[in-house]
C-alpha atoms as a PDB file:
ATOM      1  CA  UNK A   1     -52.732-115.125  20.323  1.00  0.00           C
ATOM      2  CA  UNK A   2     -56.432-114.315  20.281  1.00  0.00           C
ATOM      3  CA  UNK A   3     -58.290-117.496  21.202  1.00  0.00           C
ATOM      4  CA  UNK A   4     -61.513-118.471  19.498  1.00  0.00           C
ATOM      5  CA  UNK A   5     -64.132-118.896  22.235  1.00  0.00           C
ATOM      6  CA  UNK A   6     -65.764-121.711  20.227  1.00  0.00           C
ATOM      7  CA  UNK A   7     -62.613-123.827  20.499  1.00  0.00           C
ATOM      8  CA  UNK A   8     -60.659-124.753  23.603  1.00  0.00           C
ATOM      9  CA  UNK A   9     -57.466-124.807  21.491  1.00  0.00           C
ATOM     10  CA  UNK A  10     -57.835-121.413  19.821  1.00  0.00           C
ATOM     11  CA  UNK A  11     -58.793-122.579  16.326  1.00  0.00           C
ATOM     12  CA  UNK A  12     -61.891-121.429  14.531  1.00  0.00           C
ATOM     13  CA  UNK A  13     -63.732-124.236  12.759  1.00  0.00           C
ATOM     14  CA  UNK A  14     -62.596-123.016   9.350  1.00  0.00           C
ATOM     15  CA  UNK A  15     -58.924-122.906  10.284  1.00  0.00           C
ATOM     16  CA  UNK A  16     -58.282-126.624  10.617  1.00  0.00           C
ATOM     17  CA  UNK A  17     -58.882-127.525   6.931  1.00  0.00           C
ATOM     18  CA  UNK A  18     -56.524-124.710   5.892  1.00  0.00           C
ATOM     19  CA  UNK A  19     -53.865-125.865   8.356  1.00  0.00           C
ATOM     20  CA  UNK A  20     -54.221-129.477   7.232  1.00  0.00           C
ATOM     21  CA  UNK A  21     -53.912-128.466   3.555  1.00  0.00           C
ATOM     22  CA  UNK A  22     -50.744-126.541   4.392  1.00  0.00           C
ATOM     23  CA  UNK A  23     -49.308-129.325   6.556  1.00  0.00           C
ATOM     24  CA  UNK A  24     -50.070-132.048   4.012  1.00  0.00           C
ATOM     25  CA  UNK A  25     -48.672-130.101   1.056  1.00  0.00           C
ATOM     26  CA  UNK A  26     -51.966-129.694  -0.816  1.00  0.00           C
ATOM     27  CA  UNK A  27     -51.462-125.941  -1.044  1.00  0.00           C
ATOM     28  CA  UNK A  28     -48.964-123.299   0.022  1.00  0.00           C
ATOM     29  CA  UNK A  29     -50.243-120.036  -1.474  1.00  0.00           C
ATOM     30  CA  UNK A  30     -53.452-118.060  -1.043  1.00  0.00           C
ATOM     31  CA  UNK A  31     -54.498-118.925  -4.606  1.00  0.00           C
ATOM     32  CA  UNK A  32     -53.897-122.649  -4.059  1.00  0.00           C
ATOM     33  CA  UNK A  33     -55.695-122.619  -0.711  1.00  0.00           C
ATOM     34  CA  UNK A  34     -58.703-120.862  -2.237  1.00  0.00           C
ATOM     35  CA  UNK A  35     -58.821-123.486  -4.997  1.00  0.00           C
ATOM     36  CA  UNK A  36     -58.382-126.315  -2.500  1.00  0.00           C
ATOM     37  CA  UNK A  37     -61.158-124.974  -0.239  1.00  0.00           C
ATOM     38  CA  UNK A  38     -63.316-124.055  -3.242  1.00  0.00           C
ATOM     39  CA  UNK A  39     -63.869-120.485  -2.118  1.00  0.00           C
ATOM     40  CA  UNK A  40     -63.074-117.148  -3.703  1.00  0.00           C
ATOM     41  CA  UNK A  41     -59.717-115.517  -3.004  1.00  0.00           C
ATOM     42  CA  UNK A  42     -61.047-112.490  -1.030  1.00  0.00           C
ATOM     43  CA  UNK A  43     -62.688-114.652   1.681  1.00  0.00           C
ATOM     44  CA  UNK A  44     -59.539-116.799   1.823  1.00  0.00           C
ATOM     45  CA  UNK A  45     -57.481-113.633   2.270  1.00  0.00           C
ATOM     46  CA  UNK A  46     -59.647-112.699   5.251  1.00  0.00           C
ATOM     47  CA  UNK A  47     -59.253-116.162   6.770  1.00  0.00           C
ATOM     48  CA  UNK A  48     -55.484-116.037   6.304  1.00  0.00           C
ATOM     49  CA  UNK A  49     -55.247-112.540   7.775  1.00  0.00           C
ATOM     50  CA  UNK A  50     -57.037-113.727  10.922  1.00  0.00           C
ATOM     51  CA  UNK A  51     -54.898-116.857  11.095  1.00  0.00           C
ATOM     52  CA  UNK A  52     -51.719-114.798  10.785  1.00  0.00           C
ATOM     53  CA  UNK A  53     -52.963-112.397  13.450  1.00  0.00           C
ATOM     54  CA  UNK A  54     -53.666-115.367  15.746  1.00  0.00           C
ATOM     55  CA  UNK A  55     -50.204-116.838  15.207  1.00  0.00           C
ATOM     56  CA  UNK A  56     -51.372-119.890  13.229  1.00  0.00           C
ATOM     57  CA  UNK A  57     -49.600-119.220   9.917  1.00  0.00           C
ATOM     58  CA  UNK A  58     -46.491-117.518   8.613  1.00  0.00           C
ATOM     59  CA  UNK A  59     -46.100-115.866   5.225  1.00  0.00           C
ATOM     60  CA  UNK A  60     -42.808-115.571   3.363  1.00  0.00           C
ATOM     61  CA  UNK A  61     -42.083-114.191  -0.110  1.00  0.00           C
ATOM     62  CA  UNK A  62     -42.189-116.840  -2.831  1.00  0.00           C
ATOM     63  CA  UNK A  63     -38.667-116.921  -4.284  1.00  0.00           C
ATOM     64  CA  UNK A  64     -40.055-117.991  -7.688  1.00  0.00           C
ATOM     65  CA  UNK A  65     -42.853-115.395  -7.884  1.00  0.00           C
ATOM     66  CA  UNK A  66     -42.399-111.957  -6.336  1.00  0.00           C
ATOM     67  CA  UNK A  67     -46.160-111.334  -6.377  1.00  0.00           C
ATOM     68  CA  UNK A  68     -46.916-114.376  -4.261  1.00  0.00           C
ATOM     69  CA  UNK A  69     -46.259-115.495  -0.719  1.00  0.00           C
ATOM     70  CA  UNK A  70     -45.619-118.989   0.608  1.00  0.00           C
ATOM     71  CA  UNK A  71     -47.793-119.819   3.591  1.00  0.00           C
ATOM     72  CA  UNK A  72     -46.946-122.349   6.278  1.00  0.00           C
ATOM     73  CA  UNK A  73     -48.408-123.320   9.645  1.00  0.00           C
ATOM     74  CA  UNK A  74     -46.531-122.097  12.694  1.00  0.00           C
ATOM     75  CA  UNK A  75     -44.995-124.622  15.089  1.00  0.00           C
ATOM     76  CA  UNK A  76     -47.711-123.746  17.624  1.00  0.00           C
ATOM     77  CA  UNK A  77     -50.453-124.558  15.102  1.00  0.00           C
ATOM     78  CA  UNK A  78     -48.818-127.869  14.137  1.00  0.00           C
ATOM     79  CA  UNK A  79     -48.448-128.774  17.809  1.00  0.00           C
ATOM     80  CA  UNK A  80     -52.131-128.121  18.517  1.00  0.00           C
ATOM     81  CA  UNK A  81     -53.519-129.830  15.415  1.00  0.00           C
ATOM     82  CA  UNK A  82     -53.603-133.394  16.823  1.00  0.00           C
ATOM     83  CA  UNK A  83     -55.571-132.251  19.875  1.00  0.00           C
ATOM     84  CA  UNK A  84     -57.988-130.331  17.671  1.00  0.00           C
ATOM     85  CA  UNK A  85     -58.450-133.308  15.338  1.00  0.00           C
ATOM     86  CA  UNK A  86     -59.088-135.548  18.355  1.00  0.00           C
ATOM     87  CA  UNK A  87     -61.719-133.087  19.637  1.00  0.00           C
ATOM     88  CA  UNK A  88     -63.426-133.003  16.227  1.00  0.00           C
ATOM     89  CA  UNK A  89     -63.417-136.792  15.987  1.00  0.00           C
ATOM     90  CA  UNK A  90     -64.950-137.049  19.471  1.00  0.00           C
ATOM     91  CA  UNK A  91     -67.654-134.622  18.350  1.00  0.00           C
ATOM     92  CA  UNK A  92     -68.292-136.719  15.237  1.00  0.00           C
ATOM     93  CA  UNK A  93     -68.588-139.876  17.336  1.00  0.00           C
ATOM     94  CA  UNK A  94     -71.032-138.143  19.671  1.00  0.00           C
ATOM     95  CA  UNK A  95     -73.102-136.825  16.758  1.00  0.00           C
ATOM     96  CA  UNK A  96     -73.321-140.330  15.269  1.00  0.00           C
ATOM     97  CA  UNK A  97     -73.860-142.116  18.594  1.00  0.00           C
ATOM     98  CA  UNK A  98     -77.567-142.586  17.922  1.00  0.00           C
ATOM     99  CA  UNK A  99     -76.833-144.546  14.737  1.00  0.00           C
ATOM    100  CA  UNK A 100     -75.807-148.157  14.364  1.00  0.00           C
ATOM    101  CA  UNK A 101     -72.411-148.862  12.784  1.00  0.00           C
ATOM    102  CA  UNK A 102     -74.197-149.763   9.560  1.00  0.00           C
ATOM    103  CA  UNK A 103     -76.259-146.553   9.586  1.00  0.00           C
ATOM    104  CA  UNK A 104     -73.155-144.450  10.301  1.00  0.00           C
ATOM    105  CA  UNK A 105     -71.315-146.105   7.401  1.00  0.00           C
ATOM    106  CA  UNK A 106     -74.295-145.530   5.112  1.00  0.00           C
ATOM    107  CA  UNK A 107     -74.473-141.878   6.177  1.00  0.00           C
ATOM    108  CA  UNK A 108     -70.750-141.404   5.520  1.00  0.00           C
ATOM    109  CA  UNK A 109     -71.107-142.996   2.088  1.00  0.00           C
ATOM    110  CA  UNK A 110     -74.001-140.705   1.197  1.00  0.00           C
ATOM    111  CA  UNK A 111     -72.122-137.602   2.308  1.00  0.00           C
ATOM    112  CA  UNK A 112     -69.082-138.633   0.251  1.00  0.00           C
ATOM    113  CA  UNK A 113     -71.294-139.148  -2.809  1.00  0.00           C
ATOM    114  CA  UNK A 114     -72.815-135.693  -2.357  1.00  0.00           C
ATOM    115  CA  UNK A 115     -69.350-134.157  -2.081  1.00  0.00           C
ATOM    116  CA  UNK A 116     -68.221-135.971  -5.245  1.00  0.00           C
ATOM    117  CA  UNK A 117     -71.303-134.725  -7.101  1.00  0.00           C
ATOM    118  CA  UNK A 118     -70.668-131.159  -5.973  1.00  0.00           C
ATOM    119  CA  UNK A 119     -67.023-131.447  -7.021  1.00  0.00           C
ATOM    120  CA  UNK A 120     -68.045-132.590 -10.501  1.00  0.00           C
ATOM    121  CA  UNK A 121     -70.531-129.718 -10.768  1.00  0.00           C
ATOM    122  CA  UNK A 122     -67.847-127.195  -9.783  1.00  0.00           C
ATOM    123  CA  UNK A 123     -65.320-128.655 -12.225  1.00  0.00           C
ATOM    124  CA  UNK A 124     -67.863-128.569 -15.049  1.00  0.00           C
ATOM    125  CA  UNK A 125     -68.686-124.895 -14.523  1.00  0.00           C
END
């Protein structure tokens, strides 16, 4: 596996949301992952190619659609996900350490509202 120098566990920052979507059943094809991540299919294809190269995902033919492939995280990726999530959470805590609990909660609420607004804008277009 080719390790990402920005991550001690070999994940690039953009890989974890894809792996979590696969693990949690939100998506299992390139098309579904692109929709879930709200990016175009060509950039998602590039991400998936790198992830497959790095041993993070496996692709298998979709038995219901010969043009499509089912994508799943590899056992290695699933094993490393909790450590990666813990590292991200520690980074979040450090980034918010200068805020009070109330300020951190307010910040989180504002970010969630912005995300909801962006989602509505995307759905309306």
